[in-house]
């Protein structure tokens, strides 16, 4: 399963990549262990949002493994090669909006109920000699013009932070994979 299969039409997108001096197996292991709580920028930005929700503790998206507790569920994996996650959401709503329906890949592609955006995220590992190129892409498609306008305003506010989090994720995955490949203790 690929992002092209679940979200071929894109209204908003973000792409990032990093060359990591470790084999795909080490990069994959580091990706699976990633927690937003390991990332200072992500922690800060999520804490700001949590304050807006008036929570006393960090949400599971921050404390849990990103691919297990992330904003959208994993829809497909090819171990050591790619993982694709996707779902629907209303992120412009202060408390996150309505509870989204659980959708598989084909259902997500076909979903058209107004008032939502469809979100897809992938991580793709590509061997490059003894290293790995880790790429990630986030795609957003609105289900109607009003949702597209709402998300556009939200995106204007959070896009910089979103990009910083993505780059920080890739950097942390790289640090962990390279340390594991070198036999060094894995950094926190």
N, C-alpha and C. Protein backbone atom coordinates (compact mmCIF):
# COMPACT_ATOMS: atom_id res chain seq x y z
N UNK A 1 0.84 -1.17 0.00
CA UNK A 1 0.00 0.00 0.00
C UNK A 1 0.89 1.24 0.00
N UNK A 2 0.51 2.23 -0.80
CA UNK A 2 1.27 3.47 -0.90
C UNK A 2 0.34 4.66 -0.70
N UNK A 3 0.93 5.83 -0.49
CA UNK A 3 0.13 7.05 -0.40
C UNK A 3 -0.62 7.31 -1.70
N UNK A 4 -0.01 7.00 -2.83
CA UNK A 4 -0.69 7.18 -4.12
C UNK A 4 -1.97 6.35 -4.19
N UNK A 5 -1.98 5.20 -3.55
CA UNK A 5 -3.16 4.34 -3.58
C UNK A 5 -4.27 4.84 -2.67
N UNK A 6 -3.92 5.45 -1.53
CA UNK A 6 -4.97 5.88 -0.60
C UNK A 6 -5.34 7.36 -0.74
N UNK A 7 -4.40 8.20 -1.17
CA UNK A 7 -4.67 9.63 -1.34
C UNK A 7 -4.05 10.15 -2.63
N UNK A 8 -4.62 9.78 -3.77
CA UNK A 8 -4.04 10.24 -5.03
C UNK A 8 -4.23 11.74 -5.27
N UNK A 9 -5.32 12.30 -4.74
CA UNK A 9 -5.56 13.74 -4.87
C UNK A 9 -5.04 14.42 -3.61
N UNK A 10 -4.24 15.46 -3.77
CA UNK A 10 -3.60 16.10 -2.62
C UNK A 10 -3.89 17.60 -2.63
N UNK A 11 -4.35 18.10 -1.49
CA UNK A 11 -4.54 19.55 -1.33
C UNK A 11 -3.37 20.19 -0.59
N UNK A 12 -2.79 19.47 0.35
CA UNK A 12 -1.67 19.97 1.15
C UNK A 12 -0.68 18.81 1.29
N UNK A 13 0.61 19.11 1.22
CA UNK A 13 1.61 18.05 1.34
C UNK A 13 2.89 18.60 1.95
N UNK A 14 3.63 17.68 2.51
CA UNK A 14 4.92 18.01 3.11
C UNK A 14 5.81 16.78 2.92
N UNK A 15 7.06 17.01 2.47
CA UNK A 15 8.00 15.92 2.24
C UNK A 15 9.34 16.24 2.89
N UNK A 16 9.95 15.21 3.46
CA UNK A 16 11.27 15.36 4.07
C UNK A 16 12.04 14.07 3.86
N UNK A 17 13.37 14.16 3.86
CA UNK A 17 14.21 12.97 3.69
C UNK A 17 15.52 13.18 4.45
N UNK A 18 16.14 12.07 4.81
CA UNK A 18 17.43 12.12 5.48
C UNK A 18 18.20 10.84 5.13
N UNK A 19 19.47 11.02 4.82
CA UNK A 19 20.35 9.87 4.61
C UNK A 19 20.87 9.46 5.99
N UNK A 20 20.73 8.18 6.29
CA UNK A 20 21.14 7.65 7.59
C UNK A 20 22.21 6.60 7.34
N UNK A 21 23.33 6.74 8.02
CA UNK A 21 24.47 5.84 7.83
C UNK A 21 24.28 4.55 8.64
N UNK A 22 23.25 3.81 8.25
CA UNK A 22 22.93 2.52 8.87
C UNK A 22 22.08 1.74 7.88
N UNK A 23 22.06 0.41 7.99
CA UNK A 23 21.25 -0.39 7.08
C UNK A 23 19.76 -0.26 7.40
N UNK A 24 18.90 -0.61 6.42
CA UNK A 24 17.45 -0.49 6.64
C UNK A 24 16.94 -1.18 7.90
N UNK A 25 17.51 -2.31 8.28
CA UNK A 25 17.03 -3.02 9.47
C UNK A 25 17.18 -2.15 10.72
N UNK A 26 18.29 -1.44 10.83
CA UNK A 26 18.51 -0.57 12.00
C UNK A 26 17.59 0.65 11.94
N UNK A 27 17.40 1.20 10.76
CA UNK A 27 16.52 2.36 10.60
C UNK A 27 15.09 1.96 10.92
N UNK A 28 14.67 0.80 10.45
CA UNK A 28 13.32 0.30 10.71
C UNK A 28 13.10 0.14 12.21
N UNK A 29 14.06 -0.47 12.90
CA UNK A 29 13.93 -0.66 14.35
C UNK A 29 13.81 0.69 15.07
N UNK A 30 14.60 1.66 14.65
CA UNK A 30 14.54 2.99 15.28
C UNK A 30 13.21 3.66 14.98
N UNK A 31 12.70 3.50 13.78
CA UNK A 31 11.40 4.07 13.41
C UNK A 31 10.29 3.48 14.28
N UNK A 32 10.30 2.19 14.48
CA UNK A 32 9.25 1.53 15.27
C UNK A 32 9.27 1.98 16.73
N UNK A 33 10.42 2.37 17.24
CA UNK A 33 10.54 2.79 18.63
C UNK A 33 10.28 4.28 18.85
N UNK A 34 10.14 5.05 17.79
CA UNK A 34 10.02 6.50 17.89
C UNK A 34 8.82 6.92 18.72
N UNK A 35 9.07 7.84 19.66
CA UNK A 35 8.02 8.47 20.48
C UNK A 35 8.20 9.97 20.35
N UNK A 36 7.09 10.69 20.21
CA UNK A 36 7.19 12.14 20.14
C UNK A 36 7.77 12.71 21.43
N UNK A 37 7.60 12.01 22.55
CA UNK A 37 8.16 12.48 23.81
C UNK A 37 9.69 12.48 23.79
N UNK A 38 10.31 11.79 22.81
CA UNK A 38 11.77 11.80 22.65
C UNK A 38 12.26 13.06 21.93
N UNK A 39 11.34 13.84 21.40
CA UNK A 39 11.69 14.96 20.53
C UNK A 39 11.33 16.28 21.20
N UNK A 40 12.33 17.10 21.57
CA UNK A 40 12.04 18.34 22.30
C UNK A 40 11.04 19.27 21.59
N UNK A 41 11.19 19.47 20.30
CA UNK A 41 10.27 20.39 19.60
C UNK A 41 8.86 19.81 19.59
N UNK A 42 8.73 18.52 19.31
CA UNK A 42 7.41 17.89 19.29
C UNK A 42 6.77 17.95 20.67
N UNK A 43 7.55 17.67 21.71
CA UNK A 43 7.04 17.74 23.08
C UNK A 43 6.50 19.13 23.39
N UNK A 44 7.29 20.15 23.04
CA UNK A 44 6.89 21.53 23.31
C UNK A 44 5.59 21.88 22.57
N UNK A 45 5.54 21.58 21.27
CA UNK A 45 4.36 21.93 20.49
C UNK A 45 3.13 21.14 20.94
N UNK A 46 3.31 19.88 21.29
CA UNK A 46 2.17 19.10 21.78
C UNK A 46 1.73 19.57 23.16
N UNK A 47 2.68 20.01 23.99
CA UNK A 47 2.32 20.55 25.31
C UNK A 47 1.50 21.83 25.15
N UNK A 48 1.87 22.66 24.18
CA UNK A 48 1.10 23.88 23.92
C UNK A 48 -0.33 23.50 23.53
N UNK A 49 -0.45 22.53 22.64
CA UNK A 49 -1.80 22.10 22.24
C UNK A 49 -2.53 21.47 23.42
N UNK A 50 -1.83 20.69 24.24
CA UNK A 50 -2.47 20.08 25.41
C UNK A 50 -2.98 21.15 26.37
N UNK A 51 -2.23 22.25 26.52
CA UNK A 51 -2.72 23.35 27.35
C UNK A 51 -4.02 23.90 26.79
N UNK A 52 -4.10 23.98 25.49
CA UNK A 52 -5.33 24.44 24.86
C UNK A 52 -6.48 23.49 25.17
N UNK A 53 -6.17 22.19 25.33
CA UNK A 53 -7.20 21.22 25.67
C UNK A 53 -7.44 21.15 27.17
N UNK A 54 -6.64 21.90 27.96
CA UNK A 54 -6.72 21.90 29.42
C UNK A 54 -6.50 20.51 30.01
N UNK A 55 -5.52 19.81 29.47
CA UNK A 55 -5.16 18.49 29.99
C UNK A 55 -4.07 18.65 31.05
N UNK A 56 -4.06 17.71 31.97
CA UNK A 56 -3.03 17.72 33.00
C UNK A 56 -1.87 16.79 32.64
N UNK A 57 -2.07 15.91 31.69
CA UNK A 57 -1.01 14.99 31.29
C UNK A 57 -0.89 15.00 29.77
N UNK A 58 0.23 14.50 29.31
CA UNK A 58 0.46 14.44 27.86
C UNK A 58 -0.41 13.37 27.23
N UNK A 59 -0.96 13.66 26.06
CA UNK A 59 -1.78 12.65 25.39
C UNK A 59 -0.92 11.48 24.91
N UNK A 60 -1.58 10.34 24.63
CA UNK A 60 -0.86 9.14 24.21
C UNK A 60 -0.09 9.35 22.92
N UNK A 61 -0.54 10.27 22.06
CA UNK A 61 0.21 10.52 20.82
C UNK A 61 1.63 10.97 21.15
N UNK A 62 1.81 11.61 22.30
CA UNK A 62 3.14 12.09 22.70
C UNK A 62 3.91 10.99 23.42
N UNK A 63 3.26 10.27 24.33
CA UNK A 63 3.98 9.32 25.18
C UNK A 63 4.13 7.94 24.55
N UNK A 64 3.22 7.55 23.68
CA UNK A 64 3.28 6.23 23.06
C UNK A 64 4.16 6.23 21.83
N UNK A 65 4.40 5.05 21.31
CA UNK A 65 5.15 4.94 20.05
C UNK A 65 4.34 5.59 18.95
N UNK A 66 5.01 6.40 18.13
CA UNK A 66 4.33 7.20 17.13
C UNK A 66 3.49 6.35 16.19
N UNK A 67 4.02 5.22 15.73
CA UNK A 67 3.26 4.40 14.78
C UNK A 67 2.14 3.62 15.44
N UNK A 68 2.16 3.50 16.76
CA UNK A 68 1.08 2.80 17.47
C UNK A 68 0.03 3.77 17.99
N UNK A 69 0.45 4.96 18.41
CA UNK A 69 -0.45 5.92 19.04
C UNK A 69 -0.55 7.22 18.26
N UNK A 70 -0.06 7.22 17.03
CA UNK A 70 -0.02 8.44 16.24
C UNK A 70 -1.39 8.99 15.90
N UNK A 71 -1.42 10.08 15.19
CA UNK A 71 -2.69 10.73 14.90
C UNK A 71 -3.60 9.92 13.96
N UNK A 72 -3.02 9.02 13.19
CA UNK A 72 -3.80 8.16 12.29
C UNK A 72 -3.24 6.74 12.36
N UNK A 73 -4.09 5.73 12.17
CA UNK A 73 -3.62 4.35 12.31
C UNK A 73 -2.78 3.87 11.12
N UNK A 74 -1.92 2.91 11.41
CA UNK A 74 -1.14 2.27 10.36
C UNK A 74 -2.08 1.44 9.49
N UNK A 75 -1.96 1.61 8.19
CA UNK A 75 -2.80 0.89 7.23
C UNK A 75 -2.05 -0.24 6.55
N UNK A 76 -0.74 -0.13 6.48
CA UNK A 76 0.04 -1.17 5.82
C UNK A 76 1.52 -1.02 6.08
N UNK A 77 2.22 -2.13 6.11
CA UNK A 77 3.67 -2.12 6.29
C UNK A 77 4.31 -3.13 5.36
N UNK A 78 5.49 -2.79 4.94
CA UNK A 78 6.42 -3.71 4.31
C UNK A 78 7.68 -3.58 5.16
N UNK A 79 7.89 -4.50 6.11
CA UNK A 79 9.01 -4.35 7.04
C UNK A 79 10.34 -4.01 6.35
N UNK A 80 11.03 -3.06 6.95
CA UNK A 80 12.32 -2.55 6.49
C UNK A 80 12.22 -1.85 5.14
N UNK A 81 11.00 -1.56 4.68
CA UNK A 81 10.84 -0.87 3.41
C UNK A 81 9.88 0.32 3.49
N UNK A 82 8.68 0.12 4.06
CA UNK A 82 7.72 1.23 4.11
C UNK A 82 6.64 0.95 5.14
N UNK A 83 6.08 2.04 5.65
CA UNK A 83 4.89 1.99 6.49
C UNK A 83 4.00 3.14 6.04
N UNK A 84 2.70 2.87 5.95
CA UNK A 84 1.72 3.87 5.53
C UNK A 84 0.63 3.93 6.59
N UNK A 85 0.33 5.15 7.03
CA UNK A 85 -0.74 5.37 8.00
C UNK A 85 -1.72 6.37 7.39
N UNK A 86 -2.96 6.28 7.81
CA UNK A 86 -3.93 7.22 7.27
C UNK A 86 -5.24 7.17 8.02
N UNK A 87 -5.99 8.24 7.88
CA UNK A 87 -7.30 8.32 8.51
C UNK A 87 -7.92 9.67 8.23
N UNK A 88 -9.03 9.93 8.88
CA UNK A 88 -9.70 11.22 8.73
C UNK A 88 -9.67 11.94 10.07
N UNK A 89 -9.69 13.27 9.99
CA UNK A 89 -9.61 14.07 11.21
C UNK A 89 -10.18 15.46 10.96
N UNK A 90 -10.32 16.19 12.07
CA UNK A 90 -10.75 17.59 12.06
C UNK A 90 -9.79 18.38 12.94
N UNK A 91 -8.53 18.49 12.55
CA UNK A 91 -7.51 19.06 13.43
C UNK A 91 -7.69 20.54 13.72
N UNK A 92 -8.43 21.26 12.92
CA UNK A 92 -8.64 22.69 13.15
C UNK A 92 -9.56 22.94 14.34
N UNK A 93 -10.25 21.91 14.81
CA UNK A 93 -11.13 22.04 15.97
C UNK A 93 -10.28 21.89 17.22
N UNK A 94 -10.45 22.80 18.16
CA UNK A 94 -9.58 22.88 19.33
C UNK A 94 -9.43 21.55 20.05
N UNK A 95 -10.49 20.81 20.22
CA UNK A 95 -10.42 19.53 20.93
C UNK A 95 -10.33 18.34 19.99
N UNK A 96 -10.00 18.59 18.72
CA UNK A 96 -9.78 17.51 17.78
C UNK A 96 -10.99 17.09 16.98
N UNK A 97 -12.16 17.63 17.29
CA UNK A 97 -13.34 17.33 16.51
C UNK A 97 -14.01 16.03 16.89
N UNK A 98 -14.87 15.57 16.00
CA UNK A 98 -15.62 14.34 16.21
C UNK A 98 -14.71 13.13 16.17
N UNK A 99 -15.18 12.03 16.77
CA UNK A 99 -14.43 10.78 16.71
C UNK A 99 -14.47 10.27 15.27
N UNK A 100 -13.31 10.06 14.67
CA UNK A 100 -13.30 9.63 13.26
C UNK A 100 -13.67 8.17 13.11
N UNK A 101 -14.24 7.83 11.98
CA UNK A 101 -14.50 6.40 11.72
C UNK A 101 -13.19 5.67 11.45
N UNK A 102 -13.17 4.39 11.78
CA UNK A 102 -12.01 3.55 11.46
C UNK A 102 -12.13 3.13 10.00
N UNK A 103 -11.09 3.39 9.23
CA UNK A 103 -11.13 3.11 7.79
C UNK A 103 -9.88 2.35 7.38
N UNK A 104 -10.04 1.41 6.45
CA UNK A 104 -8.87 0.79 5.84
C UNK A 104 -8.48 1.63 4.63
N UNK A 105 -7.46 1.22 3.90
CA UNK A 105 -6.96 2.00 2.77
C UNK A 105 -8.01 2.31 1.71
N UNK A 106 -8.70 1.29 1.17
CA UNK A 106 -9.72 1.58 0.16
C UNK A 106 -10.87 2.44 0.69
N UNK A 107 -11.25 2.22 1.95
CA UNK A 107 -12.32 3.04 2.54
C UNK A 107 -11.87 4.49 2.69
N UNK A 108 -10.61 4.69 3.06
CA UNK A 108 -10.09 6.05 3.19
C UNK A 108 -10.10 6.74 1.83
N UNK A 109 -9.67 6.05 0.82
CA UNK A 109 -9.66 6.64 -0.53
C UNK A 109 -11.06 7.07 -0.95
N UNK A 110 -12.07 6.26 -0.65
CA UNK A 110 -13.44 6.53 -1.07
C UNK A 110 -14.18 7.49 -0.14
N UNK A 111 -13.68 7.71 1.05
CA UNK A 111 -14.38 8.52 2.05
C UNK A 111 -14.65 9.93 1.51
N UNK A 112 -15.89 10.38 1.63
CA UNK A 112 -16.25 11.69 1.08
C UNK A 112 -17.20 12.48 1.97
N UNK A 113 -17.43 12.03 3.20
CA UNK A 113 -18.35 12.76 4.08
C UNK A 113 -17.81 14.17 4.32
N UNK A 114 -18.64 15.18 4.17
CA UNK A 114 -18.16 16.55 4.37
C UNK A 114 -17.76 16.80 5.83
N UNK A 115 -16.85 17.77 6.00
CA UNK A 115 -16.44 18.17 7.34
C UNK A 115 -15.16 17.55 7.83
N UNK A 116 -14.43 16.88 6.97
CA UNK A 116 -13.22 16.16 7.36
C UNK A 116 -12.07 16.45 6.40
N UNK A 117 -10.87 16.13 6.85
CA UNK A 117 -9.73 16.01 5.94
C UNK A 117 -9.22 14.58 6.07
N UNK A 118 -8.79 14.05 4.93
CA UNK A 118 -8.15 12.74 4.91
C UNK A 118 -6.65 12.98 5.00
N UNK A 119 -6.00 12.25 5.89
CA UNK A 119 -4.57 12.43 6.12
C UNK A 119 -3.85 11.11 5.87
N UNK A 120 -2.77 11.18 5.15
CA UNK A 120 -1.92 10.02 4.93
C UNK A 120 -0.47 10.38 5.22
N UNK A 121 0.24 9.46 5.85
CA UNK A 121 1.65 9.65 6.20
C UNK A 121 2.38 8.38 5.83
N UNK A 122 3.54 8.52 5.21
CA UNK A 122 4.35 7.33 4.98
C UNK A 122 5.79 7.59 5.40
N UNK A 123 6.48 6.49 5.64
CA UNK A 123 7.93 6.48 5.84
C UNK A 123 8.43 5.41 4.89
N UNK A 124 9.36 5.79 4.01
CA UNK A 124 9.89 4.88 3.01
C UNK A 124 11.40 4.78 3.21
N UNK A 125 11.90 3.55 3.31
CA UNK A 125 13.32 3.28 3.49
C UNK A 125 13.88 2.77 2.18
N UNK A 126 14.94 3.42 1.72
CA UNK A 126 15.57 3.03 0.46
C UNK A 126 17.06 2.78 0.71
N UNK A 127 17.53 1.54 0.49
CA UNK A 127 18.96 1.28 0.66
C UNK A 127 19.78 2.10 -0.33
N UNK A 128 20.87 2.68 0.18
CA UNK A 128 21.80 3.46 -0.65
C UNK A 128 23.20 3.02 -0.22
N UNK A 129 23.72 1.99 -0.88
CA UNK A 129 25.00 1.43 -0.45
C UNK A 129 24.85 0.85 0.94
N UNK A 130 25.72 1.27 1.87
CA UNK A 130 25.64 0.80 3.26
C UNK A 130 24.72 1.68 4.10
N UNK A 131 24.12 2.68 3.50
CA UNK A 131 23.25 3.62 4.21
C UNK A 131 21.80 3.40 3.80
N UNK A 132 20.93 4.24 4.37
CA UNK A 132 19.50 4.19 4.06
C UNK A 132 19.00 5.61 3.87
N UNK A 133 18.26 5.83 2.81
CA UNK A 133 17.56 7.10 2.63
C UNK A 133 16.17 6.90 3.22
N UNK A 134 15.86 7.67 4.26
CA UNK A 134 14.55 7.61 4.90
C UNK A 134 13.76 8.83 4.45
N UNK A 135 12.63 8.58 3.80
CA UNK A 135 11.77 9.66 3.32
C UNK A 135 10.43 9.57 4.04
N UNK A 136 9.84 10.72 4.28
CA UNK A 136 8.49 10.76 4.81
C UNK A 136 7.68 11.80 4.06
N UNK A 137 6.44 11.49 3.85
CA UNK A 137 5.54 12.42 3.19
C UNK A 137 4.23 12.43 3.97
N UNK A 138 3.66 13.61 4.10
CA UNK A 138 2.34 13.78 4.69
C UNK A 138 1.46 14.40 3.61
N UNK A 139 0.28 13.81 3.41
CA UNK A 139 -0.68 14.33 2.43
C UNK A 139 -2.01 14.59 3.13
N UNK A 140 -2.63 15.68 2.74
CA UNK A 140 -3.95 16.03 3.27
C UNK A 140 -4.87 16.32 2.10
N UNK A 141 -6.07 15.76 2.15
CA UNK A 141 -7.10 16.02 1.15
C UNK A 141 -8.39 16.33 1.88
N UNK A 142 -8.97 17.48 1.63
CA UNK A 142 -10.24 17.86 2.25
C UNK A 142 -11.40 17.20 1.51
N UNK A 143 -12.45 16.92 2.26
CA UNK A 143 -13.61 16.25 1.65
C UNK A 143 -14.62 17.24 1.08
N UNK A 144 -14.44 18.53 1.35
CA UNK A 144 -15.36 19.53 0.83
C UNK A 144 -14.68 20.90 0.90
N UNK A 145 -15.19 21.89 0.18
CA UNK A 145 -14.55 23.21 0.16
C UNK A 145 -14.47 23.89 1.54
N UNK A 146 -15.49 23.75 2.38
CA UNK A 146 -15.45 24.38 3.71
C UNK A 146 -14.33 23.77 4.56
N UNK A 147 -14.20 22.46 4.52
CA UNK A 147 -13.12 21.80 5.27
C UNK A 147 -11.76 22.18 4.72
N UNK A 148 -11.68 22.36 3.43
CA UNK A 148 -10.41 22.78 2.82
C UNK A 148 -10.02 24.17 3.32
N UNK A 149 -10.98 25.07 3.42
CA UNK A 149 -10.69 26.42 3.93
C UNK A 149 -10.29 26.37 5.41
N UNK A 150 -11.01 25.58 6.20
CA UNK A 150 -10.68 25.45 7.63
C UNK A 150 -9.27 24.88 7.80
N UNK A 151 -8.97 23.83 7.03
CA UNK A 151 -7.64 23.24 7.15
C UNK A 151 -6.57 24.19 6.66
N UNK A 152 -6.84 24.95 5.61
CA UNK A 152 -5.85 25.90 5.09
C UNK A 152 -5.46 26.91 6.17
N UNK A 153 -6.44 27.40 6.93
CA UNK A 153 -6.14 28.34 8.02
C UNK A 153 -5.32 27.64 9.10
N UNK A 154 -5.70 26.43 9.46
CA UNK A 154 -4.97 25.65 10.46
C UNK A 154 -3.55 25.37 9.98
N UNK A 155 -3.40 24.98 8.71
CA UNK A 155 -2.09 24.67 8.12
C UNK A 155 -1.18 25.89 8.15
N UNK A 156 -1.75 27.06 7.89
CA UNK A 156 -0.94 28.28 7.93
C UNK A 156 -0.34 28.49 9.32
N UNK A 157 -1.05 28.06 10.36
CA UNK A 157 -0.57 28.21 11.74
C UNK A 157 0.45 27.14 12.13
N UNK A 158 0.25 25.93 11.66
CA UNK A 158 1.06 24.81 12.18
C UNK A 158 2.10 24.27 11.21
N UNK A 159 2.11 24.73 9.99
CA UNK A 159 2.99 24.11 8.99
C UNK A 159 4.47 24.17 9.40
N UNK A 160 4.93 25.30 9.87
CA UNK A 160 6.33 25.41 10.30
C UNK A 160 6.63 24.39 11.39
N UNK A 161 5.77 24.31 12.40
CA UNK A 161 5.98 23.35 13.49
C UNK A 161 5.92 21.92 12.99
N UNK A 162 5.01 21.64 12.08
CA UNK A 162 4.90 20.30 11.51
C UNK A 162 6.19 19.90 10.80
N UNK A 163 6.74 20.82 10.03
CA UNK A 163 8.00 20.55 9.34
C UNK A 163 9.14 20.33 10.31
N UNK A 164 9.18 21.15 11.38
CA UNK A 164 10.23 20.98 12.39
C UNK A 164 10.12 19.60 13.06
N UNK A 165 8.90 19.18 13.35
CA UNK A 165 8.71 17.86 13.96
C UNK A 165 9.17 16.77 13.01
N UNK A 166 8.82 16.86 11.75
CA UNK A 166 9.23 15.83 10.79
C UNK A 166 10.75 15.74 10.70
N UNK A 167 11.41 16.89 10.61
CA UNK A 167 12.88 16.87 10.53
C UNK A 167 13.48 16.33 11.83
N UNK A 168 12.88 16.67 12.95
CA UNK A 168 13.37 16.17 14.24
C UNK A 168 13.16 14.65 14.33
N UNK A 169 12.05 14.16 13.80
CA UNK A 169 11.81 12.72 13.79
C UNK A 169 12.91 12.01 13.00
N UNK A 170 13.18 12.50 11.80
CA UNK A 170 14.20 11.88 10.96
C UNK A 170 15.58 11.94 11.63
N UNK A 171 15.88 13.06 12.27
CA UNK A 171 17.16 13.20 12.95
C UNK A 171 17.28 12.19 14.10
N UNK A 172 16.22 12.05 14.91
CA UNK A 172 16.24 11.12 16.04
C UNK A 172 16.33 9.67 15.56
N UNK A 173 15.58 9.33 14.53
CA UNK A 173 15.66 7.98 13.97
C UNK A 173 17.08 7.72 13.49
N UNK A 174 17.68 8.71 12.82
CA UNK A 174 19.06 8.57 12.35
C UNK A 174 20.04 8.36 13.48
N UNK A 175 19.93 9.17 14.54
CA UNK A 175 20.83 9.02 15.69
C UNK A 175 20.74 7.62 16.29
N UNK A 176 19.53 7.15 16.48
CA UNK A 176 19.34 5.83 17.09
C UNK A 176 19.84 4.71 16.19
N UNK A 177 19.51 4.79 14.91
CA UNK A 177 19.93 3.74 13.98
C UNK A 177 21.44 3.71 13.84
N UNK A 178 22.07 4.87 13.72
CA UNK A 178 23.53 4.93 13.58
C UNK A 178 24.22 4.45 14.84
N UNK A 179 23.69 4.79 16.02
CA UNK A 179 24.28 4.32 17.27
C UNK A 179 24.14 2.80 17.39
N UNK A 180 22.98 2.27 17.04
CA UNK A 180 22.76 0.82 17.10
C UNK A 180 23.67 0.10 16.12
N UNK A 181 23.84 0.68 14.93
CA UNK A 181 24.69 0.06 13.92
C UNK A 181 26.15 0.04 14.36
N UNK A 182 26.55 1.07 15.11
CA UNK A 182 27.93 1.16 15.58
C UNK A 182 28.14 0.37 16.88
N UNK A 183 27.05 -0.19 17.43
CA UNK A 183 27.16 -0.94 18.68
C UNK A 183 27.22 -0.05 19.89
N UNK A 184 26.94 1.24 19.72
CA UNK A 184 26.97 2.18 20.84
C UNK A 184 25.62 2.15 21.57
N UNK A 185 25.59 2.65 22.80
CA UNK A 185 24.30 2.75 23.49
C UNK A 185 23.36 3.65 22.68
N UNK A 186 22.11 3.25 22.61
CA UNK A 186 21.13 4.02 21.84
C UNK A 186 20.77 5.27 22.63
N UNK A 187 20.89 6.47 21.98
CA UNK A 187 20.57 7.71 22.69
C UNK A 187 19.09 7.81 23.02
N UNK A 188 18.78 8.49 24.09
CA UNK A 188 17.38 8.69 24.50
C UNK A 188 16.75 9.76 23.63
